[in-house]
Amino acid sequence: MMRSWLWVIVAASGCGRDADGGPTKPLPPALVGEWKFEQLGDVQCDAAGKCHPTIARRERMKLAADGAFEYSLYAESHFPPCKLVGHAQGKGTATATATTLALHVREGFVKREDSCGKSAETNEKGQIWKYTYELARDGTLMLTNDEGTKVGPYKKS
């Protein structure tokens, strides 16, 4: 499911709302900034000798002190004969506690293109992407989705 690649998370945020229905609390300073995560899997070659990484993934999340967020993801997996491509984008407002991050999507989509299965696109407007998070001593950020899958480490740029 595409959401296991993305940010479907564990906790509710419980906070005030602004005129657009988004949260009003600012983010903790340690979360503010632009975060990036990139991942390349092992290279696998098909019978014709064409080689691809088994997975390639790039994510960017920008969190502002006033709670604004922007998020983008592009991911591909290649396990011949199939190819799966995922795209996601979102923007809106974010809130956080000491361990949870909630992204309130004002505009956004999730798109899945599957050469061996079902492709789909969803409008994420009004969704809340929720995560638990950990900030490591080395400054990296780890997120955990509602399925218990850790994503990261994200590095601040």
N, C-alpha and C. Protein backbone atom coordinates (compact mmCIF):
# COMPACT_ATOMS: atom_id res chain seq x y z
N MET A 1 0.85 -1.18 0.00
CA MET A 1 0.00 0.00 0.00
C MET A 1 0.89 1.24 0.00
N MET A 2 0.53 2.21 -0.79
CA MET A 2 1.35 3.40 -0.95
C MET A 2 1.58 4.12 0.37
N ARG A 3 0.61 4.11 1.23
CA ARG A 3 0.75 4.84 2.49
C ARG A 3 1.86 4.29 3.36
N SER A 4 2.26 3.02 3.16
CA SER A 4 3.39 2.52 3.94
C SER A 4 4.67 3.20 3.50
N TRP A 5 4.71 3.76 2.29
CA TRP A 5 5.87 4.54 1.85
C TRP A 5 5.79 5.92 2.42
N LEU A 6 4.64 6.35 2.77
CA LEU A 6 4.44 7.74 3.15
C LEU A 6 4.22 7.85 4.62
N TRP A 7 3.55 8.89 4.98
CA TRP A 7 3.48 9.30 6.36
C TRP A 7 2.11 9.12 6.95
N VAL A 8 1.72 7.92 7.19
CA VAL A 8 0.46 7.70 7.85
C VAL A 8 0.84 7.30 9.26
N ILE A 9 0.46 8.03 10.27
CA ILE A 9 1.17 7.94 11.52
C ILE A 9 0.34 7.54 12.73
N VAL A 10 0.95 7.65 13.89
CA VAL A 10 0.43 7.04 15.10
C VAL A 10 -0.38 7.88 16.06
N ALA A 11 -0.18 9.15 16.19
CA ALA A 11 -0.83 9.87 17.28
C ALA A 11 -1.62 11.07 16.78
N ALA A 12 -2.61 11.46 17.55
CA ALA A 12 -3.39 12.65 17.20
C ALA A 12 -2.73 13.88 17.80
N SER A 13 -3.02 15.05 17.24
CA SER A 13 -2.26 16.22 17.70
C SER A 13 -2.96 17.02 18.79
N GLY A 14 -4.26 17.11 18.81
CA GLY A 14 -4.99 17.82 19.86
C GLY A 14 -4.53 19.25 20.07
N CYS A 15 -4.87 20.14 19.17
CA CYS A 15 -4.44 21.53 19.30
C CYS A 15 -5.48 22.44 18.69
N GLY A 16 -5.26 23.76 18.78
CA GLY A 16 -6.18 24.74 18.23
C GLY A 16 -6.18 24.74 16.72
N ARG A 17 -7.09 25.51 16.12
CA ARG A 17 -7.21 25.58 14.66
C ARG A 17 -7.18 27.03 14.22
N ASP A 18 -6.59 27.26 13.01
CA ASP A 18 -6.63 28.61 12.46
C ASP A 18 -7.85 28.75 11.55
N ALA A 19 -7.96 29.85 10.84
CA ALA A 19 -9.13 30.11 9.99
C ALA A 19 -9.27 29.08 8.87
N ASP A 20 -8.17 28.45 8.42
CA ASP A 20 -8.23 27.45 7.38
C ASP A 20 -8.43 26.04 7.94
N GLY A 21 -8.62 25.91 9.24
CA GLY A 21 -8.81 24.60 9.86
C GLY A 21 -7.51 23.94 10.26
N GLY A 22 -6.38 24.61 10.09
CA GLY A 22 -5.09 24.04 10.46
C GLY A 22 -4.73 24.36 11.88
N PRO A 23 -3.71 23.71 12.42
CA PRO A 23 -3.29 23.94 13.79
C PRO A 23 -2.65 25.31 13.95
N THR A 24 -2.63 25.82 15.18
CA THR A 24 -2.09 27.15 15.42
C THR A 24 -0.78 27.14 16.20
N LYS A 25 -0.38 26.05 16.81
CA LYS A 25 0.84 26.03 17.63
C LYS A 25 2.08 25.99 16.73
N PRO A 26 3.13 26.74 17.12
CA PRO A 26 4.38 26.68 16.37
C PRO A 26 5.12 25.37 16.65
N LEU A 27 6.10 25.06 15.81
CA LEU A 27 6.88 23.83 15.97
C LEU A 27 8.06 24.04 16.90
N PRO A 28 8.51 22.96 17.56
CA PRO A 28 9.73 23.05 18.37
C PRO A 28 10.91 23.45 17.47
N PRO A 29 11.81 24.30 17.93
CA PRO A 29 12.93 24.76 17.11
C PRO A 29 13.77 23.63 16.50
N ALA A 30 13.92 22.52 17.20
CA ALA A 30 14.74 21.41 16.69
C ALA A 30 14.17 20.79 15.42
N LEU A 31 12.85 20.91 15.19
CA LEU A 31 12.24 20.35 13.99
C LEU A 31 12.24 21.32 12.82
N VAL A 32 12.43 22.60 13.08
CA VAL A 32 12.34 23.61 12.03
C VAL A 32 13.52 23.49 11.08
N GLY A 33 13.23 23.49 9.77
CA GLY A 33 14.27 23.42 8.75
C GLY A 33 13.84 22.56 7.59
N GLU A 34 14.78 22.32 6.69
CA GLU A 34 14.52 21.46 5.54
C GLU A 34 15.21 20.13 5.77
N TRP A 35 14.44 19.04 5.70
CA TRP A 35 14.92 17.70 5.95
C TRP A 35 14.89 16.89 4.66
N LYS A 36 15.92 16.07 4.45
CA LYS A 36 15.99 15.25 3.24
C LYS A 36 16.36 13.82 3.59
N PHE A 37 15.78 12.90 2.81
CA PHE A 37 16.09 11.47 2.96
C PHE A 37 16.22 10.87 1.57
N GLU A 38 17.32 10.16 1.34
CA GLU A 38 17.54 9.48 0.07
C GLU A 38 17.95 8.04 0.36
N GLN A 39 17.48 7.14 -0.51
CA GLN A 39 17.77 5.72 -0.32
C GLN A 39 17.95 5.06 -1.68
N LEU A 40 19.00 4.28 -1.84
CA LEU A 40 19.22 3.47 -3.03
C LEU A 40 19.40 2.03 -2.59
N GLY A 41 18.71 1.13 -3.29
CA GLY A 41 18.82 -0.29 -2.97
C GLY A 41 19.91 -0.95 -3.79
N ASP A 42 20.04 -2.26 -3.64
CA ASP A 42 21.00 -3.03 -4.41
C ASP A 42 20.65 -2.97 -5.88
N VAL A 43 21.65 -3.13 -6.74
CA VAL A 43 21.43 -3.14 -8.18
C VAL A 43 21.04 -4.55 -8.60
N GLN A 44 20.02 -4.64 -9.45
CA GLN A 44 19.55 -5.92 -9.96
C GLN A 44 19.44 -5.79 -11.48
N CYS A 45 19.90 -6.80 -12.21
CA CYS A 45 19.87 -6.78 -13.67
C CYS A 45 18.87 -7.80 -14.19
N ASP A 46 18.17 -7.42 -15.29
CA ASP A 46 17.22 -8.35 -15.90
C ASP A 46 17.94 -9.23 -16.91
N ALA A 47 17.20 -10.13 -17.57
CA ALA A 47 17.78 -11.08 -18.52
C ALA A 47 18.45 -10.38 -19.70
N ALA A 48 17.98 -9.19 -20.06
CA ALA A 48 18.56 -8.43 -21.17
C ALA A 48 19.79 -7.65 -20.75
N GLY A 49 20.14 -7.70 -19.47
CA GLY A 49 21.31 -7.00 -18.98
C GLY A 49 21.06 -5.56 -18.55
N LYS A 50 19.81 -5.16 -18.53
CA LYS A 50 19.47 -3.80 -18.08
C LYS A 50 19.43 -3.81 -16.55
N CYS A 51 20.19 -2.90 -15.95
CA CYS A 51 20.33 -2.89 -14.50
C CYS A 51 19.71 -1.64 -13.88
N HIS A 52 19.07 -1.82 -12.71
CA HIS A 52 18.45 -0.74 -11.95
C HIS A 52 18.65 -1.02 -10.46
N PRO A 53 18.67 0.05 -9.66
CA PRO A 53 18.62 -0.22 -8.22
C PRO A 53 17.25 -0.80 -7.89
N THR A 54 17.21 -1.69 -6.92
CA THR A 54 15.93 -2.31 -6.55
C THR A 54 14.96 -1.27 -5.99
N ILE A 55 15.50 -0.23 -5.36
CA ILE A 55 14.67 0.87 -4.88
C ILE A 55 15.48 2.17 -4.95
N ALA A 56 14.78 3.21 -5.33
CA ALA A 56 15.36 4.56 -5.31
C ALA A 56 14.29 5.46 -4.71
N ARG A 57 14.67 6.23 -3.72
CA ARG A 57 13.67 7.03 -2.99
C ARG A 57 14.29 8.36 -2.59
N ARG A 58 13.53 9.43 -2.79
CA ARG A 58 13.99 10.77 -2.39
C ARG A 58 12.80 11.50 -1.76
N GLU A 59 13.03 12.00 -0.55
CA GLU A 59 11.99 12.76 0.16
C GLU A 59 12.56 14.09 0.62
N ARG A 60 11.70 15.09 0.66
CA ARG A 60 12.05 16.42 1.16
C ARG A 60 10.89 16.92 2.01
N MET A 61 11.20 17.40 3.21
CA MET A 61 10.19 17.95 4.10
C MET A 61 10.72 19.28 4.64
N LYS A 62 9.97 20.32 4.44
CA LYS A 62 10.35 21.64 4.95
C LYS A 62 9.35 22.01 6.04
N LEU A 63 9.87 22.29 7.24
CA LEU A 63 9.05 22.66 8.39
C LEU A 63 9.45 24.07 8.83
N ALA A 64 8.49 24.99 8.87
CA ALA A 64 8.75 26.37 9.26
C ALA A 64 8.35 26.60 10.71
N ALA A 65 8.96 27.58 11.34
CA ALA A 65 8.69 27.89 12.75
C ALA A 65 7.22 28.21 13.00
N ASP A 66 6.54 28.80 12.01
CA ASP A 66 5.12 29.14 12.18
C ASP A 66 4.19 27.95 11.95
N GLY A 67 4.76 26.76 11.66
CA GLY A 67 3.95 25.56 11.48
C GLY A 67 3.65 25.21 10.04
N ALA A 68 4.08 26.02 9.08
CA ALA A 68 3.86 25.67 7.67
C ALA A 68 4.76 24.48 7.31
N PHE A 69 4.24 23.58 6.44
CA PHE A 69 5.07 22.48 5.94
C PHE A 69 4.88 22.31 4.45
N GLU A 70 5.92 21.76 3.81
CA GLU A 70 5.88 21.30 2.43
C GLU A 70 6.57 19.95 2.42
N TYR A 71 6.01 19.01 1.65
CA TYR A 71 6.55 17.66 1.60
C TYR A 71 6.50 17.15 0.17
N SER A 72 7.53 16.42 -0.25
CA SER A 72 7.51 15.76 -1.55
C SER A 72 8.25 14.44 -1.45
N LEU A 73 7.80 13.48 -2.24
CA LEU A 73 8.41 12.16 -2.30
C LEU A 73 8.38 11.67 -3.73
N TYR A 74 9.46 11.03 -4.17
CA TYR A 74 9.49 10.29 -5.42
C TYR A 74 10.20 8.99 -5.10
N ALA A 75 9.58 7.87 -5.42
CA ALA A 75 10.18 6.57 -5.13
C ALA A 75 9.88 5.60 -6.26
N GLU A 76 10.87 4.76 -6.57
CA GLU A 76 10.71 3.69 -7.56
C GLU A 76 11.22 2.40 -6.97
N SER A 77 10.56 1.30 -7.31
CA SER A 77 11.12 -0.01 -7.01
C SER A 77 11.09 -0.83 -8.28
N HIS A 78 12.16 -1.58 -8.49
CA HIS A 78 12.32 -2.40 -9.69
C HIS A 78 12.58 -3.83 -9.25
N PHE A 79 11.62 -4.67 -9.44
CA PHE A 79 11.80 -6.10 -9.24
C PHE A 79 11.22 -6.75 -10.48
N PRO A 80 12.08 -6.95 -11.52
CA PRO A 80 11.59 -7.43 -12.82
C PRO A 80 10.66 -8.61 -12.65
N PRO A 81 9.56 -8.60 -13.40
CA PRO A 81 9.26 -7.69 -14.50
C PRO A 81 8.48 -6.44 -14.07
N CYS A 82 8.34 -6.20 -12.80
CA CYS A 82 7.48 -5.12 -12.33
C CYS A 82 8.26 -3.87 -11.92
N LYS A 83 7.59 -2.74 -12.07
CA LYS A 83 8.13 -1.45 -11.64
C LYS A 83 7.01 -0.71 -10.92
N LEU A 84 7.33 -0.18 -9.74
CA LEU A 84 6.37 0.58 -8.96
C LEU A 84 6.95 1.98 -8.75
N VAL A 85 6.15 3.00 -9.06
CA VAL A 85 6.57 4.39 -8.89
C VAL A 85 5.57 5.07 -7.97
N GLY A 86 6.06 5.78 -6.98
CA GLY A 86 5.21 6.52 -6.07
C GLY A 86 5.59 7.99 -6.06
N HIS A 87 4.59 8.85 -6.10
CA HIS A 87 4.79 10.30 -6.00
C HIS A 87 3.87 10.78 -4.89
N ALA A 88 4.33 11.73 -4.13
CA ALA A 88 3.47 12.36 -3.13
C ALA A 88 3.91 13.80 -2.96
N GLN A 89 2.95 14.66 -2.76
CA GLN A 89 3.23 16.05 -2.43
C GLN A 89 2.17 16.52 -1.46
N GLY A 90 2.58 17.40 -0.56
CA GLY A 90 1.62 17.97 0.36
C GLY A 90 2.14 19.28 0.92
N LYS A 91 1.21 20.15 1.26
CA LYS A 91 1.54 21.38 1.97
C LYS A 91 0.39 21.73 2.87
N GLY A 92 0.71 22.40 3.94
CA GLY A 92 -0.31 22.77 4.91
C GLY A 92 0.34 23.26 6.18
N THR A 93 -0.19 22.81 7.32
CA THR A 93 0.33 23.22 8.61
C THR A 93 0.71 21.98 9.44
N ALA A 94 1.68 22.16 10.31
CA ALA A 94 2.19 21.06 11.12
C ALA A 94 2.16 21.42 12.60
N THR A 95 1.97 20.41 13.43
CA THR A 95 2.08 20.56 14.88
C THR A 95 2.92 19.42 15.42
N ALA A 96 3.49 19.61 16.60
CA ALA A 96 4.31 18.56 17.18
C ALA A 96 4.24 18.64 18.70
N THR A 97 4.39 17.46 19.30
CA THR A 97 4.61 17.37 20.74
C THR A 97 6.06 16.93 20.90
N ALA A 98 6.43 16.47 22.06
CA ALA A 98 7.79 16.00 22.28
C ALA A 98 8.11 14.74 21.48
N THR A 99 7.09 14.00 21.03
CA THR A 99 7.33 12.74 20.30
C THR A 99 6.47 12.55 19.06
N THR A 100 5.51 13.42 18.80
CA THR A 100 4.63 13.23 17.64
C THR A 100 4.68 14.43 16.71
N LEU A 101 4.49 14.14 15.43
CA LEU A 101 4.43 15.16 14.40
C LEU A 101 3.17 14.91 13.58
N ALA A 102 2.33 15.93 13.42
CA ALA A 102 1.10 15.82 12.64
C ALA A 102 1.14 16.86 11.53
N LEU A 103 0.97 16.41 10.29
CA LEU A 103 0.95 17.28 9.13
C LEU A 103 -0.49 17.37 8.63
N HIS A 104 -1.07 18.56 8.72
CA HIS A 104 -2.46 18.81 8.33
C HIS A 104 -2.44 19.28 6.88
N VAL A 105 -2.86 18.42 5.96
CA VAL A 105 -2.71 18.66 4.53
C VAL A 105 -3.80 19.59 4.01
N ARG A 106 -3.37 20.74 3.50
CA ARG A 106 -4.28 21.68 2.86
C ARG A 106 -4.39 21.37 1.37
N GLU A 107 -3.26 21.03 0.74
CA GLU A 107 -3.21 20.60 -0.66
C GLU A 107 -2.28 19.41 -0.72
N GLY A 108 -2.64 18.39 -1.50
CA GLY A 108 -1.73 17.27 -1.63
C GLY A 108 -2.32 16.10 -2.37
N PHE A 109 -1.44 15.20 -2.79
CA PHE A 109 -1.86 13.99 -3.48
C PHE A 109 -0.86 12.87 -3.22
N VAL A 110 -1.32 11.65 -3.43
CA VAL A 110 -0.49 10.46 -3.44
C VAL A 110 -0.82 9.72 -4.72
N LYS A 111 0.21 9.40 -5.50
CA LYS A 111 0.00 8.70 -6.77
C LYS A 111 0.87 7.45 -6.80
N ARG A 112 0.29 6.37 -7.27
CA ARG A 112 0.98 5.08 -7.37
C ARG A 112 0.80 4.57 -8.79
N GLU A 113 1.93 4.26 -9.45
CA GLU A 113 1.92 3.67 -10.78
C GLU A 113 2.57 2.29 -10.66
N ASP A 114 1.81 1.24 -10.97
CA ASP A 114 2.28 -0.12 -10.78
C ASP A 114 2.17 -0.86 -12.11
N SER A 115 3.31 -1.25 -12.70
CA SER A 115 3.29 -1.92 -14.00
C SER A 115 2.72 -3.34 -13.93
N CYS A 116 2.62 -3.91 -12.75
CA CYS A 116 2.10 -5.27 -12.60
C CYS A 116 0.85 -5.33 -11.73
N GLY A 117 0.28 -4.20 -11.43
CA GLY A 117 -0.87 -4.21 -10.54
C GLY A 117 -1.72 -2.97 -10.72
N LYS A 118 -2.32 -2.53 -9.64
CA LYS A 118 -3.26 -1.43 -9.67
C LYS A 118 -2.55 -0.09 -9.45
N SER A 119 -2.83 0.86 -10.34
CA SER A 119 -2.33 2.22 -10.17
C SER A 119 -3.46 3.07 -9.60
N ALA A 120 -3.11 4.11 -8.86
CA ALA A 120 -4.15 4.93 -8.23
C ALA A 120 -3.60 6.31 -7.90
N GLU A 121 -4.50 7.27 -7.73
CA GLU A 121 -4.14 8.59 -7.27
C GLU A 121 -5.20 9.05 -6.29
N THR A 122 -4.77 9.61 -5.16
CA THR A 122 -5.72 10.10 -4.16
C THR A 122 -5.44 11.56 -3.85
N ASN A 123 -6.50 12.30 -3.62
CA ASN A 123 -6.41 13.68 -3.17
C ASN A 123 -6.31 13.62 -1.64
N GLU A 124 -5.27 14.20 -1.09
CA GLU A 124 -5.02 14.13 0.35
C GLU A 124 -5.54 15.35 1.11
N LYS A 125 -6.20 16.28 0.42
CA LYS A 125 -6.72 17.49 1.08
C LYS A 125 -7.56 17.09 2.29
N GLY A 126 -7.27 17.71 3.44
CA GLY A 126 -8.02 17.44 4.66
C GLY A 126 -7.48 16.29 5.48
N GLN A 127 -6.51 15.53 4.95
CA GLN A 127 -5.94 14.41 5.70
C GLN A 127 -4.95 14.93 6.74
N ILE A 128 -4.70 14.14 7.75
CA ILE A 128 -3.66 14.43 8.73
C ILE A 128 -2.67 13.28 8.68
N TRP A 129 -1.44 13.58 8.29
CA TRP A 129 -0.38 12.58 8.28
C TRP A 129 0.30 12.65 9.64
N LYS A 130 0.24 11.57 10.40
CA LYS A 130 0.75 11.56 11.77
C LYS A 130 1.92 10.60 11.91
N TYR A 131 2.91 11.02 12.71
CA TYR A 131 4.12 10.22 12.95
C TYR A 131 4.58 10.36 14.39
N THR A 132 5.33 9.38 14.83
CA THR A 132 6.17 9.58 16.00
C THR A 132 7.55 9.91 15.44
N TYR A 133 8.32 10.68 16.19
CA TYR A 133 9.64 11.05 15.70
C TYR A 133 10.67 10.95 16.80
N GLU A 134 11.94 10.81 16.36
CA GLU A 134 13.08 10.80 17.25
C GLU A 134 14.17 11.68 16.62
N LEU A 135 14.71 12.59 17.39
CA LEU A 135 15.87 13.38 16.97
C LEU A 135 17.10 12.75 17.59
N ALA A 136 18.02 12.29 16.75
CA ALA A 136 19.23 11.62 17.24
C ALA A 136 20.29 12.65 17.63
N ARG A 137 21.26 12.21 18.40
CA ARG A 137 22.36 13.08 18.83
C ARG A 137 23.16 13.63 17.65
N ASP A 138 23.18 12.86 16.55
CA ASP A 138 23.92 13.32 15.36
C ASP A 138 23.11 14.32 14.53
N GLY A 139 21.92 14.69 15.00
CA GLY A 139 21.11 15.68 14.32
C GLY A 139 20.15 15.13 13.28
N THR A 140 20.11 13.81 13.13
CA THR A 140 19.18 13.22 12.15
C THR A 140 17.81 13.01 12.78
N LEU A 141 16.82 12.87 11.91
CA LEU A 141 15.43 12.70 12.30
C LEU A 141 14.92 11.36 11.80
N MET A 142 14.32 10.56 12.67
CA MET A 142 13.68 9.30 12.29
C MET A 142 12.19 9.45 12.52
N LEU A 143 11.40 8.99 11.55
CA LEU A 143 9.94 8.99 11.67
C LEU A 143 9.46 7.55 11.72
N THR A 144 8.37 7.30 12.42
CA THR A 144 7.75 5.98 12.47
C THR A 144 6.29 6.13 12.10
N ASN A 145 5.85 5.33 11.10
CA ASN A 145 4.46 5.42 10.66
C ASN A 145 3.56 4.52 11.51
N ASP A 146 2.27 4.51 11.17
CA ASP A 146 1.30 3.77 11.97
C ASP A 146 1.46 2.26 11.87
N GLU A 147 2.25 1.79 10.91
CA GLU A 147 2.51 0.35 10.78
C GLU A 147 3.77 -0.04 11.54
N GLY A 148 4.39 0.95 12.20
CA GLY A 148 5.61 0.67 12.95
C GLY A 148 6.88 0.71 12.11
N THR A 149 6.76 1.14 10.85
CA THR A 149 7.91 1.21 9.96
C THR A 149 8.67 2.51 10.19
N LYS A 150 9.96 2.37 10.46
CA LYS A 150 10.81 3.56 10.63
C LYS A 150 11.24 4.04 9.25
N VAL A 151 11.20 5.37 9.08
CA VAL A 151 11.64 5.99 7.83
C VAL A 151 12.71 7.01 8.17
N GLY A 152 13.82 6.94 7.45
CA GLY A 152 14.92 7.86 7.67
C GLY A 152 16.22 7.11 7.68
N PRO A 153 17.26 7.76 8.09
CA PRO A 153 17.30 9.05 8.77
C PRO A 153 17.24 10.22 7.80
N TYR A 154 16.47 11.23 8.19
CA TYR A 154 16.42 12.48 7.46
C TYR A 154 17.56 13.35 7.98
N LYS A 155 18.21 14.04 7.05
CA LYS A 155 19.30 14.95 7.41
C LYS A 155 18.83 16.38 7.14
N LYS A 156 19.17 17.26 8.06
CA LYS A 156 18.82 18.67 7.89
C LYS A 156 19.80 19.30 6.91
N SER A 157 19.25 20.05 5.94
CA SER A 157 20.16 20.68 4.97
C SER A 157 20.27 22.17 5.22
